[in-house]
Amino acid sequence: MDNPLPPDRGHVSTEQRHCATENAMDLMPTVDLVQLIASDQHAAIHAVESAAADITRLADDIATRMQSGGRLFYLGAGTSGRLGVLDASECPPTFGADSSQVIGIIAGGDPALRKSSEATEDDHDGATSDLSQHNVGASDVVVGIAAGGTTPWVLGGLATARKLGASTALISCSPRSTPPGVDHLIVLDTGAELLAGSTRLKAGTATKVALNALTTAVFVRRGAVHGDLMVDVKATNDKLFDRAIRILQTYAPEMDRGKAGALIRDADGHLKTAIVATCRGLPVERARHVLAQCEGNLRNAIK
């Protein structure tokens, strides 16, 4: 008996052909091609803007659950999975988040970050073991990312997460109905790609922007930002230590770099504590106590 054919995904918008390049992409001068690829990205930004209300609801759900110790998980395959892992990995240095607060899981595991592992995305139950190992439960939010909205590994993972009691979301760059058991559907309607089906193009751009908006909004609500400053930044290298020094100096412009750096070191690298000590004229340990009483909210701690 012949092997069955795969499902026909011809109806998926990200699989359609783009009128600007149909039968012509390989004939274009390089300069025209580069300019067209760049200009086509505007549709990605518009798609995220159109989904702002849905992203907002998901961000508020995540922030509320994190307040009770919940976590955010991303599930994705290929480009979608890599973007999820990327966003998760940037939350600790940017927002001082624990590495267990935002977790990216990609079909095929970490090796798939460097080497494509397309076959794994067809396994409907492939994410089950990862979710079980992380003890996903009712306080968590699991966000599936699938450009075409049809990836079995992602949809199966969301079904498992729902059974485990988690809140669930799907980010799709192609219009579709809400899958059973999914609490939040975010459609980033980017349309056809210039290279038909290549969702690493504007679908990837829209996904990256949406994830930027999502986790930035979550951690702003969680108090990791004061004004426009990343006051929970972890000074884990020279660039970030310099940023921490300059942030501290915005609260005390007369303070020189040497004193600012010394104070951050005295606070064990905890910038918020150094800021409270500076603004309130307190010893580091007392500043740490005040900040703890305010549950880490810098605005409340220095008012």
Protein backbone atom coordinates (compact mmCIF):
# COMPACT_ATOMS: atom_id res chain seq x y z
CA MET A 1 0.00 0.00 0.00
CA ASP A 2 1.36 3.44 -0.91
CA ASN A 3 2.19 5.88 1.84
CA PRO A 4 -0.63 8.40 2.35
CA LEU A 5 -0.13 11.90 1.03
CA PRO A 6 0.25 14.77 3.50
CA PRO A 7 -2.72 17.06 4.18
CA ASP A 8 -3.25 19.71 1.50
CA ARG A 9 -2.27 23.07 3.00
CA GLY A 10 -2.97 25.02 -0.17
CA HIS A 11 -5.63 27.08 1.62
CA VAL A 12 -3.15 28.47 4.18
CA SER A 13 -2.44 32.12 3.38
CA THR A 14 1.29 31.86 4.08
CA GLU A 15 1.48 29.17 1.39
CA GLN A 16 0.01 31.41 -1.32
CA ARG A 17 2.00 33.08 -4.09
CA HIS A 18 2.73 36.80 -3.86
CA CYS A 19 1.56 38.92 -6.79
CA ALA A 20 4.74 41.03 -6.69
CA THR A 21 7.07 38.10 -7.32
CA GLU A 22 4.97 35.46 -9.07
CA ASN A 23 6.99 34.22 -12.05
CA ALA A 24 9.44 37.10 -11.62
CA MET A 25 11.55 36.82 -8.45
CA ASP A 26 14.55 35.22 -10.14
CA LEU A 27 14.47 37.82 -12.92
CA MET A 28 14.71 40.86 -10.64
CA PRO A 29 17.91 42.93 -10.30
CA THR A 30 19.37 42.38 -6.84
CA VAL A 31 18.74 45.98 -5.78
CA ASP A 32 15.04 45.69 -6.67
CA LEU A 33 14.78 42.37 -4.87
CA VAL A 34 16.38 43.71 -1.68
CA GLN A 35 14.17 46.80 -1.69
CA LEU A 36 11.05 44.70 -2.25
CA ILE A 37 11.89 42.32 0.59
CA ALA A 38 12.44 45.30 2.90
CA SER A 39 9.23 47.08 1.92
CA ASP A 40 7.19 43.89 2.24
CA GLN A 41 8.05 43.82 5.96
CA HIS A 42 5.69 46.75 6.56
CA ALA A 43 2.86 44.25 6.39
CA ALA A 44 4.36 42.45 9.38
CA ILE A 45 4.17 45.55 11.57
CA HIS A 46 0.60 46.22 10.46
CA ALA A 47 -0.35 42.64 11.32
CA VAL A 48 0.95 43.03 14.88
CA GLU A 49 -0.79 46.39 15.28
CA SER A 50 -4.06 44.79 14.18
CA ALA A 51 -3.65 42.05 16.81
CA ALA A 52 -2.73 44.45 19.64
CA ALA A 53 -5.93 43.86 21.63
CA ASP A 54 -5.45 40.08 21.60
CA ILE A 55 -1.76 40.40 22.54
CA THR A 56 -2.79 42.69 25.40
CA ARG A 57 -5.22 40.13 26.82
CA LEU A 58 -2.58 37.41 26.66
CA ALA A 59 0.07 39.64 28.28
CA ASP A 60 -2.25 40.48 31.17
CA ASP A 61 -3.08 36.79 31.65
CA ILE A 62 0.62 35.90 31.78
CA ALA A 63 1.49 38.75 34.17
CA THR A 64 -1.32 37.75 36.53
CA ARG A 65 -0.26 34.11 36.57
CA MET A 66 3.41 35.03 37.08
CA GLN A 67 2.32 36.99 40.15
CA SER A 68 1.26 33.64 41.59
CA GLY A 69 4.44 31.86 40.54
CA GLY A 70 3.33 30.85 37.06
CA ARG A 71 5.58 30.52 34.04
CA LEU A 72 5.44 31.24 30.32
CA PHE A 73 6.24 28.46 27.86
CA TYR A 74 6.72 28.81 24.11
CA LEU A 75 6.18 25.85 21.80
CA GLY A 76 7.31 26.02 18.19
CA ALA A 77 8.99 24.20 15.32
CA GLY A 78 11.54 25.56 12.88
CA THR A 79 11.67 29.36 12.65
CA SER A 80 8.75 29.71 15.07
CA GLY A 81 10.51 27.54 17.64
CA ARG A 82 13.78 29.42 17.28
CA LEU A 83 12.03 32.75 17.77
CA GLY A 84 10.37 31.43 20.94
CA VAL A 85 13.66 30.19 22.35
CA LEU A 86 15.30 33.51 21.42
CA ASP A 87 12.68 35.55 23.24
CA ALA A 88 12.82 33.31 26.30
CA SER A 89 16.62 33.48 26.46
CA GLU A 90 16.59 37.29 26.38
CA CYS A 91 14.26 37.73 29.36
CA PRO A 92 16.84 36.99 32.13
CA PRO A 93 19.46 39.59 31.08
CA THR A 94 16.88 42.21 30.08
CA PHE A 95 14.36 41.88 32.90
CA GLY A 96 16.25 40.00 35.60
CA ALA A 97 13.85 37.10 35.13
CA ASP A 98 14.79 33.69 36.45
CA SER A 99 15.61 31.34 33.58
CA SER A 100 12.71 29.14 34.69
CA GLN A 101 10.13 31.92 34.25
CA VAL A 102 10.10 31.98 30.45
CA ILE A 103 10.99 28.73 28.70
CA GLY A 104 11.26 28.09 24.99
CA ILE A 105 10.73 24.53 23.75
CA ILE A 106 11.50 23.71 20.12
CA ALA A 107 10.54 20.58 18.20
CA GLY A 108 13.65 18.44 17.93
CA GLY A 109 15.21 19.91 21.07
CA ASP A 110 18.17 22.26 21.31
CA PRO A 111 20.01 20.68 18.33
CA ALA A 112 17.17 22.03 16.15
CA LEU A 113 18.32 25.56 16.98
CA ARG A 114 21.29 25.06 14.67
CA LYS A 115 20.26 22.22 12.41
CA SER A 116 16.80 21.95 10.88
CA SER A 117 14.65 19.11 12.17
CA GLU A 118 11.50 19.44 10.11
CA ALA A 119 10.26 15.86 10.49
CA THR A 120 9.74 16.27 14.24
CA GLU A 121 7.01 18.89 13.74
CA ASP A 122 4.65 16.23 12.37
CA ASP A 123 4.54 14.38 15.71
CA HIS A 124 1.28 15.41 17.39
CA ASP A 125 2.44 14.05 20.75
CA GLY A 126 6.05 15.20 20.45
CA ALA A 127 5.83 18.00 23.04
CA THR A 128 4.14 15.89 25.71
CA SER A 129 7.31 14.69 27.41
CA ASP A 130 8.81 18.19 27.57
CA LEU A 131 5.67 19.63 29.13
CA SER A 132 5.50 16.78 31.62
CA GLN A 133 9.16 17.16 32.58
CA HIS A 134 8.54 20.83 33.35
CA ASN A 135 5.49 19.95 35.47
CA VAL A 136 3.26 22.33 33.53
CA GLY A 137 0.14 23.12 35.52
CA ALA A 138 -2.72 25.49 36.21
CA SER A 139 -0.59 28.53 37.03
CA ASP A 140 1.30 28.40 33.72
CA VAL A 141 0.65 29.77 30.24
CA VAL A 142 1.70 27.79 27.17
CA VAL A 143 1.95 29.73 23.91
CA GLY A 144 2.17 27.79 20.67
CA ILE A 145 3.75 29.52 17.69
CA ALA A 146 2.92 28.22 14.22
CA ALA A 147 3.19 30.52 11.21
CA GLY A 148 0.65 28.54 9.20
CA GLY A 149 -1.40 27.64 12.25
CA THR A 150 -1.40 23.93 11.43
CA THR A 151 1.78 22.42 12.94
CA PRO A 152 0.79 19.10 14.60
CA TRP A 153 3.62 19.27 17.18
CA VAL A 154 2.39 22.68 18.35
CA LEU A 155 -1.33 21.91 18.29
CA GLY A 156 -0.77 18.63 20.07
CA GLY A 157 1.36 20.36 22.68
CA LEU A 158 -1.38 22.90 23.32
CA ALA A 159 -3.92 20.11 23.74
CA THR A 160 -1.63 18.45 26.29
CA ALA A 161 -1.05 21.74 28.11
CA ARG A 162 -4.79 22.26 28.35
CA LYS A 163 -5.23 18.81 29.88
CA LEU A 164 -2.57 19.72 32.43
CA GLY A 165 -4.62 22.77 33.39
CA ALA A 166 -2.50 25.51 31.82
CA SER A 167 -3.83 28.58 30.03
CA THR A 168 -3.12 28.21 26.32
CA ALA A 169 -2.54 30.49 23.33
CA LEU A 170 -1.80 30.07 19.65
CA ILE A 171 0.05 32.62 17.53
CA SER A 172 -0.65 32.07 13.83
CA CYS A 173 0.31 34.17 10.80
CA SER A 174 -2.54 32.70 8.79
CA PRO A 175 -6.23 33.24 9.65
CA ARG A 176 -7.83 30.22 11.26
CA SER A 177 -10.50 29.36 13.81
CA THR A 178 -9.62 28.91 17.47
CA PRO A 179 -8.53 25.31 18.10
CA PRO A 180 -10.48 23.42 20.79
CA GLY A 181 -9.14 24.19 24.25
CA VAL A 182 -7.12 27.27 23.22
CA ASP A 183 -7.88 30.30 25.39
CA HIS A 184 -6.15 32.97 23.30
CA LEU A 185 -5.89 33.05 19.51
CA ILE A 186 -3.56 35.70 18.07
CA VAL A 187 -3.68 36.00 14.29
CA LEU A 188 -0.86 37.99 12.68
CA ASP A 189 -2.29 38.07 9.18
CA THR A 190 0.86 38.63 7.13
CA GLY A 191 -0.44 37.10 3.91
CA ALA A 192 1.62 35.54 1.14
CA GLU A 193 5.42 35.60 1.28
CA LEU A 194 7.54 36.94 -1.57
CA LEU A 195 9.17 33.50 -1.62
CA ALA A 196 6.06 31.35 -1.47
CA GLY A 197 5.81 29.49 1.83
CA SER A 198 9.02 30.92 3.31
CA THR A 199 7.68 32.08 6.67
CA ARG A 200 11.15 33.10 7.83
CA LEU A 201 10.36 36.33 5.95
CA LYS A 202 7.55 38.64 7.08
CA ALA A 203 5.75 35.99 9.13
CA GLY A 204 8.99 35.63 11.09
CA THR A 205 9.25 39.40 11.45
CA ALA A 206 5.68 39.68 12.73
CA THR A 207 6.25 36.85 15.20
CA LYS A 208 9.41 38.48 16.55
CA VAL A 209 7.64 41.83 17.00
CA ALA A 210 4.66 40.17 18.69
CA LEU A 211 6.90 38.28 21.12
CA ASN A 212 8.84 41.49 21.83
CA ALA A 213 5.57 43.23 22.66
CA LEU A 214 4.30 40.30 24.71
CA THR A 215 7.19 39.79 27.10
CA THR A 216 8.04 43.49 27.37
CA ALA A 217 4.44 44.21 28.40
CA VAL A 218 4.49 41.29 30.85
CA PHE A 219 7.65 42.43 32.61
CA VAL A 220 6.62 46.08 32.63
CA ARG A 221 3.52 44.93 34.51
CA ARG A 222 5.76 42.83 36.76
CA GLY A 223 7.79 45.91 37.77
CA ALA A 224 11.00 45.15 35.87
CA VAL A 225 10.88 48.55 34.16
CA HIS A 226 10.82 52.05 35.67
CA GLY A 227 10.04 54.77 33.16
CA ASP A 228 11.90 53.47 30.13
CA LEU A 229 14.77 51.95 32.12
CA MET A 230 15.48 48.23 32.50
CA VAL A 231 16.06 48.47 36.24
CA ASP A 232 16.21 44.70 36.65
CA VAL A 233 19.04 44.32 34.12
CA LYS A 234 21.64 41.75 35.13
CA ALA A 235 25.16 43.13 34.77
CA THR A 236 26.62 39.88 33.46
CA ASN A 237 29.12 41.46 31.04
CA ASP A 238 30.89 44.79 30.49
CA LYS A 239 28.15 46.18 28.25
CA LEU A 240 25.39 45.44 30.75
CA PHE A 241 27.48 46.62 33.72
CA ASP A 242 28.06 49.90 31.89
CA ARG A 243 24.32 50.16 31.24
CA ALA A 244 23.59 49.53 34.93
CA ILE A 245 26.06 52.26 35.92
CA ARG A 246 24.48 54.76 33.54
CA ILE A 247 20.98 53.86 34.75
CA LEU A 248 22.02 54.44 38.35
CA GLN A 249 23.51 57.78 37.37
CA THR A 250 20.16 58.92 35.97
CA TYR A 251 18.85 58.78 39.56
CA ALA A 252 21.92 60.61 40.88
CA PRO A 253 23.48 62.70 38.09
CA GLU A 254 26.19 64.00 40.41
CA MET A 255 27.46 60.47 41.13
CA ASP A 256 30.63 59.55 39.24
CA ARG A 257 31.05 56.22 37.45
CA GLY A 258 33.46 54.85 40.03
CA LYS A 259 31.07 55.38 42.93
CA ALA A 260 28.12 54.08 40.90
CA GLY A 261 30.00 50.92 39.96
CA ALA A 262 31.12 50.35 43.53
CA LEU A 263 27.58 50.74 44.84
CA ILE A 264 26.22 48.23 42.34
CA ARG A 265 28.91 45.76 43.37
CA ASP A 266 28.07 46.38 47.06
CA ALA A 267 24.47 45.50 46.17
CA ASP A 268 25.69 42.19 44.70
CA GLY A 269 24.91 43.46 41.23
CA HIS A 270 21.25 44.16 42.08
CA LEU A 271 20.58 47.47 40.38
CA LYS A 272 17.22 48.15 42.02
CA THR A 273 18.78 47.87 45.47
CA ALA A 274 21.51 50.32 44.46
CA ILE A 275 18.87 52.74 43.17
CA VAL A 276 16.85 52.58 46.40
CA ALA A 277 20.01 53.08 48.45
CA THR A 278 20.87 56.14 46.36
CA CYS A 279 17.41 57.72 46.25
CA ARG A 280 16.58 57.08 49.90
CA GLY A 281 20.09 57.59 51.33
CA LEU A 282 20.04 54.14 52.89
CA PRO A 283 22.68 51.47 53.51
CA VAL A 284 22.49 48.62 51.01
CA GLU A 285 20.96 46.11 53.42
CA ARG A 286 18.26 48.54 54.51
CA ALA A 287 17.55 49.39 50.87
CA ARG A 288 17.20 45.69 50.12
CA HIS A 289 14.66 45.37 52.95
CA VAL A 290 12.63 48.37 51.74
CA LEU A 291 12.54 46.95 48.22
CA ALA A 292 11.38 43.57 49.53
CA GLN A 293 8.59 45.26 51.50
CA CYS A 294 7.45 46.85 48.22
CA GLU A 295 7.55 43.44 46.49
CA GLY A 296 10.31 44.66 44.17
CA ASN A 297 8.32 47.63 42.86
CA LEU A 298 10.91 50.37 42.46
CA ARG A 299 8.39 53.19 41.99
CA ASN A 300 6.84 52.40 45.35
CA ALA A 301 10.21 51.87 47.04
CA ILE A 302 11.61 55.31 46.16
CA LYS A 303 8.52 57.49 46.43
